[in-house]
Amino acid sequence: MTLAAGFDAGLAAVILAIGVWVIAARGAFAAVVGFVALGLLLALAWVRLAAVDVALTEGAIGSGVTGVILIAAAGRLQPLGGSSAAETAPLLLRAAAALVSLLVSFGLVAIMLLLPTPAPTLAPPAAANIALTGLENPVNAVLLAYRAIDTLLETVVLLLALLGVTPSWPILPIMRNR
């Protein structure tokens, strides 16, 4: 095993471990901090896959802006006086939720394994049209040619979420008075 392959395997293991830790975290603030760390590690994984633009987006939006929004939301949460919802939920309900999650996960894996060989792909037509975009990086070309509108709409959703969690901005009272 080469050093690069060992690093990639270790990075994948750490990403998986932090993902599980974020899901299992009891406190909202701890989960948000884990989410931000997970996003930064995912950005590093995108760099390893030679998709620096996706890494920058993941670092800026996935960890940065979303992390700030989640930290602000976690700070506004009021303690519910005693125990959390996970502690008060019946054991049978928690076991049922875990079972449904596992069944969905296994179902998705089964569907992936049952795909025809070779799996259906749009890579050849996308590769044939990369020159039309004027970009050399195939990830950038696909994002520009096929995902631009989707990214624009995601930006609108992010802006609306940001406006929703920050009601103390000076422009909002002006908008409310109209």
N, C-alpha and C. Protein backbone atom coordinates (compact mmCIF):
# COMPACT_ATOMS: atom_id res chain seq x y z
N MET A 1 0.85 -1.17 0.00
CA MET A 1 0.00 0.00 0.00
C MET A 1 0.89 1.23 0.00
N THR A 2 0.58 2.14 -0.89
CA THR A 2 1.37 3.36 -0.98
C THR A 2 0.96 4.33 0.13
N LEU A 3 1.78 5.33 0.31
CA LEU A 3 1.50 6.33 1.33
C LEU A 3 0.20 7.08 1.01
N ALA A 4 -0.01 7.41 -0.27
CA ALA A 4 -1.23 8.12 -0.67
C ALA A 4 -2.48 7.27 -0.42
N ALA A 5 -2.40 5.99 -0.74
CA ALA A 5 -3.55 5.11 -0.51
C ALA A 5 -3.81 4.95 0.98
N GLY A 6 -2.76 4.88 1.78
CA GLY A 6 -2.93 4.80 3.22
C GLY A 6 -3.56 6.07 3.78
N PHE A 7 -3.13 7.21 3.27
CA PHE A 7 -3.72 8.48 3.70
C PHE A 7 -5.20 8.54 3.34
N ASP A 8 -5.53 8.12 2.11
CA ASP A 8 -6.93 8.14 1.67
C ASP A 8 -7.78 7.19 2.51
N ALA A 9 -7.26 6.01 2.82
CA ALA A 9 -8.00 5.05 3.65
C ALA A 9 -8.21 5.62 5.06
N GLY A 10 -7.16 6.23 5.61
CA GLY A 10 -7.28 6.85 6.93
C GLY A 10 -8.26 8.01 6.93
N LEU A 11 -8.23 8.82 5.87
CA LEU A 11 -9.16 9.94 5.74
C LEU A 11 -10.61 9.43 5.66
N ALA A 12 -10.83 8.38 4.89
CA ALA A 12 -12.18 7.81 4.78
C ALA A 12 -12.65 7.27 6.13
N ALA A 13 -11.75 6.63 6.86
CA ALA A 13 -12.12 6.09 8.18
C ALA A 13 -12.45 7.21 9.16
N VAL A 14 -11.67 8.28 9.15
CA VAL A 14 -11.93 9.41 10.06
C VAL A 14 -13.24 10.10 9.68
N ILE A 15 -13.51 10.25 8.38
CA ILE A 15 -14.77 10.86 7.94
C ILE A 15 -15.95 10.02 8.42
N LEU A 16 -15.84 8.71 8.26
CA LEU A 16 -16.92 7.83 8.71
C LEU A 16 -17.10 7.90 10.22
N ALA A 17 -15.99 7.89 10.96
CA ALA A 17 -16.06 7.94 12.42
C ALA A 17 -16.69 9.25 12.90
N ILE A 18 -16.29 10.37 12.31
CA ILE A 18 -16.86 11.65 12.73
C ILE A 18 -18.33 11.73 12.34
N GLY A 19 -18.70 11.16 11.19
CA GLY A 19 -20.11 11.13 10.80
C GLY A 19 -20.95 10.37 11.81
N VAL A 20 -20.46 9.23 12.26
CA VAL A 20 -21.17 8.45 13.28
C VAL A 20 -21.22 9.23 14.59
N TRP A 21 -20.13 9.89 14.93
CA TRP A 21 -20.09 10.66 16.18
C TRP A 21 -21.09 11.81 16.14
N VAL A 22 -21.21 12.49 14.98
CA VAL A 22 -22.17 13.60 14.87
C VAL A 22 -23.59 13.08 15.08
N ILE A 23 -23.89 11.92 14.52
CA ILE A 23 -25.22 11.35 14.68
C ILE A 23 -25.48 10.98 16.14
N ALA A 24 -24.46 10.46 16.82
CA ALA A 24 -24.64 9.98 18.20
C ALA A 24 -24.47 11.08 19.24
N ALA A 25 -24.03 12.27 18.85
CA ALA A 25 -23.78 13.34 19.82
C ALA A 25 -25.06 13.71 20.55
N ARG A 26 -24.95 13.92 21.86
CA ARG A 26 -26.12 14.26 22.69
C ARG A 26 -26.46 15.74 22.61
N GLY A 27 -25.45 16.58 22.65
CA GLY A 27 -25.71 18.03 22.67
C GLY A 27 -25.72 18.62 21.28
N ALA A 28 -26.54 19.65 21.09
CA ALA A 28 -26.65 20.30 19.79
C ALA A 28 -25.33 20.98 19.41
N PHE A 29 -24.68 21.64 20.36
CA PHE A 29 -23.43 22.32 20.05
C PHE A 29 -22.34 21.33 19.66
N ALA A 30 -22.25 20.20 20.36
CA ALA A 30 -21.25 19.19 20.02
C ALA A 30 -21.52 18.62 18.63
N ALA A 31 -22.78 18.41 18.28
CA ALA A 31 -23.12 17.90 16.95
C ALA A 31 -22.75 18.91 15.87
N VAL A 32 -22.96 20.19 16.13
CA VAL A 32 -22.63 21.22 15.15
C VAL A 32 -21.12 21.31 14.95
N VAL A 33 -20.37 21.25 16.03
CA VAL A 33 -18.90 21.29 15.92
C VAL A 33 -18.42 20.08 15.13
N GLY A 34 -18.98 18.91 15.39
CA GLY A 34 -18.64 17.72 14.63
C GLY A 34 -19.01 17.86 13.16
N PHE A 35 -20.16 18.49 12.89
CA PHE A 35 -20.59 18.72 11.51
C PHE A 35 -19.60 19.62 10.77
N VAL A 36 -19.14 20.66 11.43
CA VAL A 36 -18.16 21.57 10.82
C VAL A 36 -16.86 20.82 10.54
N ALA A 37 -16.40 20.02 11.50
CA ALA A 37 -15.18 19.23 11.30
C ALA A 37 -15.37 18.24 10.16
N LEU A 38 -16.54 17.63 10.09
CA LEU A 38 -16.83 16.70 9.01
C LEU A 38 -16.77 17.41 7.66
N GLY A 39 -17.32 18.60 7.57
CA GLY A 39 -17.28 19.35 6.32
C GLY A 39 -15.86 19.69 5.91
N LEU A 40 -15.02 20.05 6.86
CA LEU A 40 -13.63 20.35 6.53
C LEU A 40 -12.88 19.11 6.05
N LEU A 41 -13.15 17.97 6.66
CA LEU A 41 -12.53 16.73 6.20
C LEU A 41 -13.06 16.32 4.82
N LEU A 42 -14.34 16.56 4.57
CA LEU A 42 -14.88 16.29 3.23
C LEU A 42 -14.24 17.21 2.20
N ALA A 43 -13.97 18.45 2.57
CA ALA A 43 -13.26 19.35 1.66
C ALA A 43 -11.88 18.80 1.33
N LEU A 44 -11.20 18.26 2.33
CA LEU A 44 -9.89 17.64 2.10
C LEU A 44 -10.03 16.43 1.17
N ALA A 45 -11.09 15.66 1.34
CA ALA A 45 -11.32 14.51 0.46
C ALA A 45 -11.55 14.97 -0.98
N TRP A 46 -12.28 16.07 -1.17
CA TRP A 46 -12.49 16.59 -2.52
C TRP A 46 -11.17 17.06 -3.12
N VAL A 47 -10.29 17.63 -2.31
CA VAL A 47 -8.97 18.03 -2.82
C VAL A 47 -8.21 16.79 -3.28
N ARG A 48 -8.29 15.72 -2.51
CA ARG A 48 -7.61 14.47 -2.89
C ARG A 48 -8.18 13.90 -4.19
N LEU A 49 -9.44 14.21 -4.49
CA LEU A 49 -10.07 13.75 -5.73
C LEU A 49 -9.86 14.74 -6.88
N ALA A 50 -9.00 15.74 -6.68
CA ALA A 50 -8.65 16.76 -7.68
C ALA A 50 -9.85 17.60 -8.09
N ALA A 51 -10.76 17.85 -7.16
CA ALA A 51 -11.90 18.73 -7.41
C ALA A 51 -11.82 19.89 -6.43
N VAL A 52 -10.86 20.76 -6.68
CA VAL A 52 -10.58 21.85 -5.75
C VAL A 52 -11.76 22.80 -5.63
N ASP A 53 -12.47 23.04 -6.73
CA ASP A 53 -13.62 23.94 -6.67
C ASP A 53 -14.72 23.39 -5.78
N VAL A 54 -14.95 22.10 -5.85
CA VAL A 54 -15.95 21.48 -4.98
C VAL A 54 -15.47 21.54 -3.53
N ALA A 55 -14.17 21.37 -3.33
CA ALA A 55 -13.60 21.45 -1.98
C ALA A 55 -13.79 22.85 -1.41
N LEU A 56 -13.56 23.87 -2.22
CA LEU A 56 -13.76 25.24 -1.75
C LEU A 56 -15.23 25.50 -1.40
N THR A 57 -16.12 24.97 -2.23
CA THR A 57 -17.55 25.14 -1.95
C THR A 57 -17.93 24.42 -0.67
N GLU A 58 -17.44 23.20 -0.49
CA GLU A 58 -17.74 22.44 0.73
C GLU A 58 -17.19 23.16 1.96
N GLY A 59 -15.97 23.68 1.85
CA GLY A 59 -15.38 24.39 2.98
C GLY A 59 -16.11 25.68 3.30
N ALA A 60 -16.47 26.44 2.26
CA ALA A 60 -17.11 27.73 2.49
C ALA A 60 -18.57 27.60 2.89
N ILE A 61 -19.32 26.80 2.15
CA ILE A 61 -20.76 26.70 2.40
C ILE A 61 -21.05 25.58 3.37
N GLY A 62 -20.54 24.38 3.09
CA GLY A 62 -20.86 23.21 3.91
C GLY A 62 -20.39 23.34 5.34
N SER A 63 -19.19 23.85 5.54
CA SER A 63 -18.67 24.00 6.90
C SER A 63 -18.82 25.42 7.40
N GLY A 64 -18.44 26.38 6.58
CA GLY A 64 -18.41 27.76 7.03
C GLY A 64 -19.77 28.36 7.31
N VAL A 65 -20.51 28.67 6.25
CA VAL A 65 -21.78 29.37 6.41
C VAL A 65 -22.80 28.50 7.13
N THR A 66 -22.92 27.24 6.70
CA THR A 66 -23.88 26.36 7.36
C THR A 66 -23.51 26.14 8.82
N GLY A 67 -22.22 26.03 9.11
CA GLY A 67 -21.78 25.88 10.49
C GLY A 67 -22.15 27.07 11.34
N VAL A 68 -21.98 28.27 10.80
CA VAL A 68 -22.34 29.49 11.54
C VAL A 68 -23.84 29.53 11.78
N ILE A 69 -24.63 29.17 10.77
CA ILE A 69 -26.09 29.16 10.92
C ILE A 69 -26.50 28.14 11.98
N LEU A 70 -25.91 26.95 11.94
CA LEU A 70 -26.25 25.92 12.92
C LEU A 70 -25.80 26.30 14.33
N ILE A 71 -24.64 26.94 14.46
CA ILE A 71 -24.19 27.38 15.78
C ILE A 71 -25.15 28.45 16.32
N ALA A 72 -25.58 29.37 15.46
CA ALA A 72 -26.55 30.39 15.90
C ALA A 72 -27.86 29.73 16.32
N ALA A 73 -28.32 28.75 15.55
CA ALA A 73 -29.57 28.07 15.90
C ALA A 73 -29.41 27.28 17.20
N ALA A 74 -28.28 26.61 17.39
CA ALA A 74 -28.05 25.85 18.62
C ALA A 74 -27.98 26.77 19.82
N GLY A 75 -27.43 27.96 19.64
CA GLY A 75 -27.36 28.93 20.73
C GLY A 75 -28.72 29.47 21.13
N ARG A 76 -29.67 29.48 20.20
CA ARG A 76 -31.01 29.98 20.50
C ARG A 76 -31.92 28.92 21.11
N LEU A 77 -31.51 27.67 21.04
CA LEU A 77 -32.34 26.61 21.62
C LEU A 77 -32.39 26.77 23.13
N GLN A 78 -33.56 26.65 23.68
CA GLN A 78 -33.73 26.74 25.13
C GLN A 78 -33.66 25.35 25.73
N PRO A 79 -33.02 25.20 26.86
CA PRO A 79 -33.05 23.90 27.53
C PRO A 79 -34.49 23.52 27.86
N LEU A 80 -34.82 22.27 27.67
CA LEU A 80 -36.20 21.83 27.85
C LEU A 80 -36.47 21.37 29.27
N GLY A 81 -35.68 21.77 30.20
CA GLY A 81 -35.94 21.47 31.59
C GLY A 81 -35.78 20.01 31.95
N GLY A 82 -34.59 19.56 31.96
CA GLY A 82 -34.37 18.19 32.42
C GLY A 82 -33.78 17.30 31.36
N SER A 83 -34.61 16.47 30.73
CA SER A 83 -34.08 15.46 29.84
C SER A 83 -34.35 15.81 28.39
N SER A 84 -33.50 15.28 27.53
CA SER A 84 -33.67 15.52 26.11
C SER A 84 -34.70 14.56 25.54
N ALA A 85 -35.08 14.82 24.29
CA ALA A 85 -36.09 13.97 23.64
C ALA A 85 -35.58 12.54 23.49
N ALA A 86 -34.27 12.37 23.28
CA ALA A 86 -33.72 11.02 23.12
C ALA A 86 -33.82 10.23 24.42
N GLU A 87 -33.72 10.92 25.56
CA GLU A 87 -33.80 10.22 26.84
C GLU A 87 -35.24 9.89 27.21
N THR A 88 -36.21 10.69 26.74
CA THR A 88 -37.60 10.45 27.11
C THR A 88 -38.33 9.56 26.11
N ALA A 89 -37.77 9.35 24.92
CA ALA A 89 -38.41 8.49 23.94
C ALA A 89 -38.36 7.04 24.43
N PRO A 90 -39.46 6.32 24.25
CA PRO A 90 -39.46 4.91 24.69
C PRO A 90 -38.42 4.10 23.94
N LEU A 91 -37.90 3.10 24.62
CA LEU A 91 -36.86 2.25 24.03
C LEU A 91 -37.38 1.56 22.77
N LEU A 92 -38.63 1.15 22.77
CA LEU A 92 -39.20 0.48 21.60
C LEU A 92 -39.22 1.41 20.40
N LEU A 93 -39.54 2.68 20.62
CA LEU A 93 -39.56 3.65 19.53
C LEU A 93 -38.15 3.87 18.97
N ARG A 94 -37.17 3.99 19.86
CA ARG A 94 -35.79 4.17 19.40
C ARG A 94 -35.30 2.95 18.64
N ALA A 95 -35.65 1.76 19.11
CA ALA A 95 -35.25 0.53 18.42
C ALA A 95 -35.92 0.44 17.06
N ALA A 96 -37.19 0.85 16.96
CA ALA A 96 -37.89 0.82 15.68
C ALA A 96 -37.25 1.80 14.70
N ALA A 97 -36.88 2.97 15.18
CA ALA A 97 -36.23 3.96 14.31
C ALA A 97 -34.88 3.44 13.82
N ALA A 98 -34.12 2.80 14.69
CA ALA A 98 -32.84 2.22 14.28
C ALA A 98 -33.06 1.10 13.26
N LEU A 99 -34.06 0.28 13.47
CA LEU A 99 -34.35 -0.82 12.54
C LEU A 99 -34.76 -0.29 11.17
N VAL A 100 -35.61 0.72 11.14
CA VAL A 100 -36.01 1.31 9.87
C VAL A 100 -34.81 1.92 9.16
N SER A 101 -33.94 2.59 9.90
CA SER A 101 -32.73 3.18 9.30
C SER A 101 -31.84 2.10 8.70
N LEU A 102 -31.66 1.00 9.42
CA LEU A 102 -30.85 -0.09 8.89
C LEU A 102 -31.49 -0.72 7.66
N LEU A 103 -32.80 -0.91 7.67
CA LEU A 103 -33.48 -1.49 6.51
C LEU A 103 -33.34 -0.59 5.28
N VAL A 104 -33.49 0.71 5.47
CA VAL A 104 -33.32 1.64 4.35
C VAL A 104 -31.88 1.59 3.84
N SER A 105 -30.91 1.56 4.75
CA SER A 105 -29.51 1.49 4.34
C SER A 105 -29.23 0.22 3.57
N PHE A 106 -29.67 -0.91 4.07
CA PHE A 106 -29.45 -2.18 3.37
C PHE A 106 -30.19 -2.20 2.04
N GLY A 107 -31.38 -1.60 1.99
CA GLY A 107 -32.11 -1.52 0.73
C GLY A 107 -31.36 -0.73 -0.32
N LEU A 108 -30.78 0.40 0.09
CA LEU A 108 -30.00 1.22 -0.85
C LEU A 108 -28.76 0.48 -1.33
N VAL A 109 -28.09 -0.24 -0.43
CA VAL A 109 -26.92 -1.03 -0.83
C VAL A 109 -27.34 -2.12 -1.80
N ALA A 110 -28.47 -2.79 -1.53
CA ALA A 110 -28.94 -3.84 -2.43
C ALA A 110 -29.27 -3.28 -3.81
N ILE A 111 -29.89 -2.11 -3.85
CA ILE A 111 -30.20 -1.50 -5.14
C ILE A 111 -28.92 -1.17 -5.90
N MET A 112 -27.92 -0.66 -5.19
CA MET A 112 -26.64 -0.36 -5.85
C MET A 112 -25.99 -1.62 -6.39
N LEU A 113 -26.06 -2.70 -5.62
CA LEU A 113 -25.43 -3.95 -6.08
C LEU A 113 -26.20 -4.61 -7.22
N LEU A 114 -27.48 -4.30 -7.36
CA LEU A 114 -28.29 -4.90 -8.41
C LEU A 114 -28.30 -4.08 -9.70
N LEU A 115 -27.55 -3.01 -9.74
CA LEU A 115 -27.47 -2.22 -10.96
C LEU A 115 -26.86 -3.06 -12.08
N PRO A 116 -27.27 -2.81 -13.32
CA PRO A 116 -26.69 -3.59 -14.42
C PRO A 116 -25.21 -3.28 -14.58
N THR A 117 -24.50 -4.23 -15.18
CA THR A 117 -23.07 -4.04 -15.42
C THR A 117 -22.86 -3.85 -16.91
N PRO A 118 -22.30 -2.82 -17.38
CA PRO A 118 -21.87 -1.64 -16.65
C PRO A 118 -23.08 -0.79 -16.24
N ALA A 119 -22.89 -0.04 -15.19
CA ALA A 119 -23.95 0.82 -14.68
C ALA A 119 -24.26 1.91 -15.70
N PRO A 120 -25.52 2.33 -15.77
CA PRO A 120 -25.86 3.41 -16.70
C PRO A 120 -25.11 4.68 -16.33
N THR A 121 -24.61 5.37 -17.34
CA THR A 121 -23.82 6.56 -17.08
C THR A 121 -24.03 7.60 -18.18
N LEU A 122 -23.87 8.83 -17.81
CA LEU A 122 -23.90 9.93 -18.77
C LEU A 122 -22.50 10.49 -18.99
N ALA A 123 -21.48 9.75 -18.55
CA ALA A 123 -20.11 10.23 -18.67
C ALA A 123 -19.67 10.42 -20.12
N PRO A 124 -19.95 9.49 -21.05
CA PRO A 124 -19.48 9.72 -22.44
C PRO A 124 -20.07 10.98 -23.08
N PRO A 125 -21.39 11.24 -22.99
CA PRO A 125 -21.86 12.50 -23.59
C PRO A 125 -21.30 13.74 -22.87
N ALA A 126 -21.14 13.64 -21.57
CA ALA A 126 -20.57 14.79 -20.83
C ALA A 126 -19.13 15.03 -21.26
N ALA A 127 -18.35 13.94 -21.39
CA ALA A 127 -16.95 14.07 -21.80
C ALA A 127 -16.84 14.61 -23.22
N ALA A 128 -17.79 14.23 -24.09
CA ALA A 128 -17.75 14.70 -25.47
C ALA A 128 -18.04 16.20 -25.56
N ASN A 129 -18.75 16.75 -24.60
CA ASN A 129 -19.13 18.17 -24.64
C ASN A 129 -18.32 19.06 -23.71
N ILE A 130 -17.28 18.52 -23.09
CA ILE A 130 -16.47 19.33 -22.17
C ILE A 130 -15.81 20.49 -22.91
N ALA A 131 -15.37 20.26 -24.13
CA ALA A 131 -14.69 21.32 -24.88
C ALA A 131 -15.61 22.52 -25.11
N LEU A 132 -16.91 22.28 -25.21
CA LEU A 132 -17.86 23.37 -25.44
C LEU A 132 -17.95 24.32 -24.25
N THR A 133 -17.63 23.84 -23.06
CA THR A 133 -17.70 24.69 -21.87
C THR A 133 -16.50 25.60 -21.74
N GLY A 134 -15.41 25.25 -22.40
CA GLY A 134 -14.18 26.04 -22.29
C GLY A 134 -13.38 25.74 -21.04
N LEU A 135 -13.73 24.70 -20.32
CA LEU A 135 -13.03 24.33 -19.10
C LEU A 135 -12.27 23.03 -19.31
N GLU A 136 -11.17 22.88 -18.60
CA GLU A 136 -10.39 21.65 -18.72
C GLU A 136 -10.74 20.63 -17.65
N ASN A 137 -11.09 21.09 -16.47
CA ASN A 137 -11.42 20.19 -15.37
C ASN A 137 -12.82 19.63 -15.59
N PRO A 138 -12.97 18.29 -15.65
CA PRO A 138 -14.29 17.72 -15.92
C PRO A 138 -15.31 18.01 -14.81
N VAL A 139 -14.88 18.12 -13.57
CA VAL A 139 -15.82 18.42 -12.49
C VAL A 139 -16.37 19.83 -12.66
N ASN A 140 -15.49 20.78 -12.97
CA ASN A 140 -15.94 22.15 -13.22
C ASN A 140 -16.90 22.21 -14.41
N ALA A 141 -16.58 21.46 -15.47
CA ALA A 141 -17.42 21.48 -16.66
C ALA A 141 -18.82 20.94 -16.36
N VAL A 142 -18.90 19.85 -15.62
CA VAL A 142 -20.21 19.29 -15.28
C VAL A 142 -20.97 20.26 -14.38
N LEU A 143 -20.29 20.85 -13.40
CA LEU A 143 -20.97 21.81 -12.53
C LEU A 143 -21.49 23.01 -13.32
N LEU A 144 -20.70 23.50 -14.24
CA LEU A 144 -21.11 24.67 -15.01
C LEU A 144 -22.22 24.32 -15.99
N ALA A 145 -22.08 23.21 -16.71
CA ALA A 145 -23.02 22.88 -17.77
C ALA A 145 -24.33 22.28 -17.25
N TYR A 146 -24.25 21.49 -16.19
CA TYR A 146 -25.43 20.74 -15.77
C TYR A 146 -25.98 21.13 -14.40
N ARG A 147 -25.18 21.79 -13.59
CA ARG A 147 -25.60 22.05 -12.21
C ARG A 147 -25.70 23.52 -11.88
N ALA A 148 -25.57 24.41 -12.84
CA ALA A 148 -25.55 25.84 -12.54
C ALA A 148 -26.88 26.32 -11.95
N ILE A 149 -28.00 25.93 -12.55
CA ILE A 149 -29.30 26.37 -12.04
C ILE A 149 -29.55 25.77 -10.65
N ASP A 150 -29.18 24.51 -10.48
CA ASP A 150 -29.34 23.87 -9.18
C ASP A 150 -28.54 24.61 -8.11
N THR A 151 -27.32 24.99 -8.45
CA THR A 151 -26.49 25.72 -7.49
C THR A 151 -27.09 27.09 -7.19
N LEU A 152 -27.64 27.75 -8.20
CA LEU A 152 -28.29 29.04 -7.97
C LEU A 152 -29.47 28.89 -7.02
N LEU A 153 -30.28 27.87 -7.23
CA LEU A 153 -31.43 27.65 -6.34
C LEU A 153 -30.98 27.27 -4.93
N GLU A 154 -29.89 26.52 -4.80
CA GLU A 154 -29.36 26.21 -3.48
C GLU A 154 -28.91 27.49 -2.78
N THR A 155 -28.36 28.42 -3.53
CA THR A 155 -27.95 29.70 -2.94
C THR A 155 -29.16 30.48 -2.44
N VAL A 156 -30.26 30.43 -3.19
CA VAL A 156 -31.49 31.11 -2.76
C VAL A 156 -32.00 30.48 -1.47
N VAL A 157 -32.00 29.15 -1.40
CA VAL A 157 -32.45 28.46 -0.19
C VAL A 157 -31.56 28.83 0.99
N LEU A 158 -30.25 28.88 0.76
CA LEU A 158 -29.32 29.25 1.83
C LEU A 158 -29.58 30.68 2.30
N LEU A 159 -29.85 31.59 1.38
CA LEU A 159 -30.15 32.96 1.75
C LEU A 159 -31.44 33.04 2.58
N LEU A 160 -32.46 32.30 2.17
CA LEU A 160 -33.71 32.30 2.93
C LEU A 160 -33.50 31.70 4.33
N ALA A 161 -32.68 30.65 4.43
CA ALA A 161 -32.39 30.08 5.74
C ALA A 161 -31.63 31.07 6.61
N LEU A 162 -30.70 31.78 6.01
CA LEU A 162 -29.94 32.79 6.76
C LEU A 162 -30.86 33.90 7.25
N LEU A 163 -31.79 34.34 6.42
CA LEU A 163 -32.74 35.36 6.86
C LEU A 163 -33.66 34.84 7.94
N GLY A 164 -33.97 33.55 7.89
CA GLY A 164 -34.86 32.96 8.89
C GLY A 164 -34.25 32.84 10.26
N VAL A 165 -32.95 32.63 10.36
CA VAL A 165 -32.33 32.44 11.67
C VAL A 165 -31.73 33.71 12.24
N THR A 166 -31.77 34.80 11.49
CA THR A 166 -31.20 36.06 11.98
C THR A 166 -32.25 37.16 11.92
N PRO A 167 -33.26 37.12 12.78
CA PRO A 167 -34.31 38.15 12.73
C PRO A 167 -33.86 39.50 13.25
N SER A 168 -32.66 39.62 13.76
CA SER A 168 -32.23 40.90 14.31
C SER A 168 -31.49 41.75 13.29
N TRP A 169 -31.46 41.34 12.03
CA TRP A 169 -30.80 42.16 11.02
C TRP A 169 -31.55 43.46 10.84
N PRO A 170 -30.86 44.57 10.57
CA PRO A 170 -31.52 45.87 10.46
C PRO A 170 -32.52 45.95 9.31
N ILE A 171 -32.32 45.19 8.23
CA ILE A 171 -33.22 45.30 7.08
C ILE A 171 -34.57 44.64 7.35
N LEU A 172 -34.61 43.67 8.22
CA LEU A 172 -35.84 42.94 8.44
C LEU A 172 -36.96 43.78 9.05
N PRO A 173 -36.70 44.66 10.03
CA PRO A 173 -37.81 45.51 10.52
C PRO A 173 -38.35 46.41 9.42
N ILE A 174 -37.51 46.86 8.52
CA ILE A 174 -37.98 47.68 7.41
C ILE A 174 -38.91 46.86 6.52
N MET A 175 -38.53 45.60 6.28
CA MET A 175 -39.37 44.74 5.45
C MET A 175 -40.69 44.41 6.15
N ARG A 176 -40.68 44.28 7.46
CA ARG A 176 -41.89 43.94 8.19
C ARG A 176 -42.88 45.10 8.26
N ASN A 177 -42.37 46.36 8.23
CA ASN A 177 -43.24 47.52 8.32
C ASN A 177 -44.01 47.79 7.03
N ARG A 178 -43.63 47.19 5.96
CA ARG A 178 -44.31 47.44 4.68
C ARG A 178 -45.55 46.63 4.56
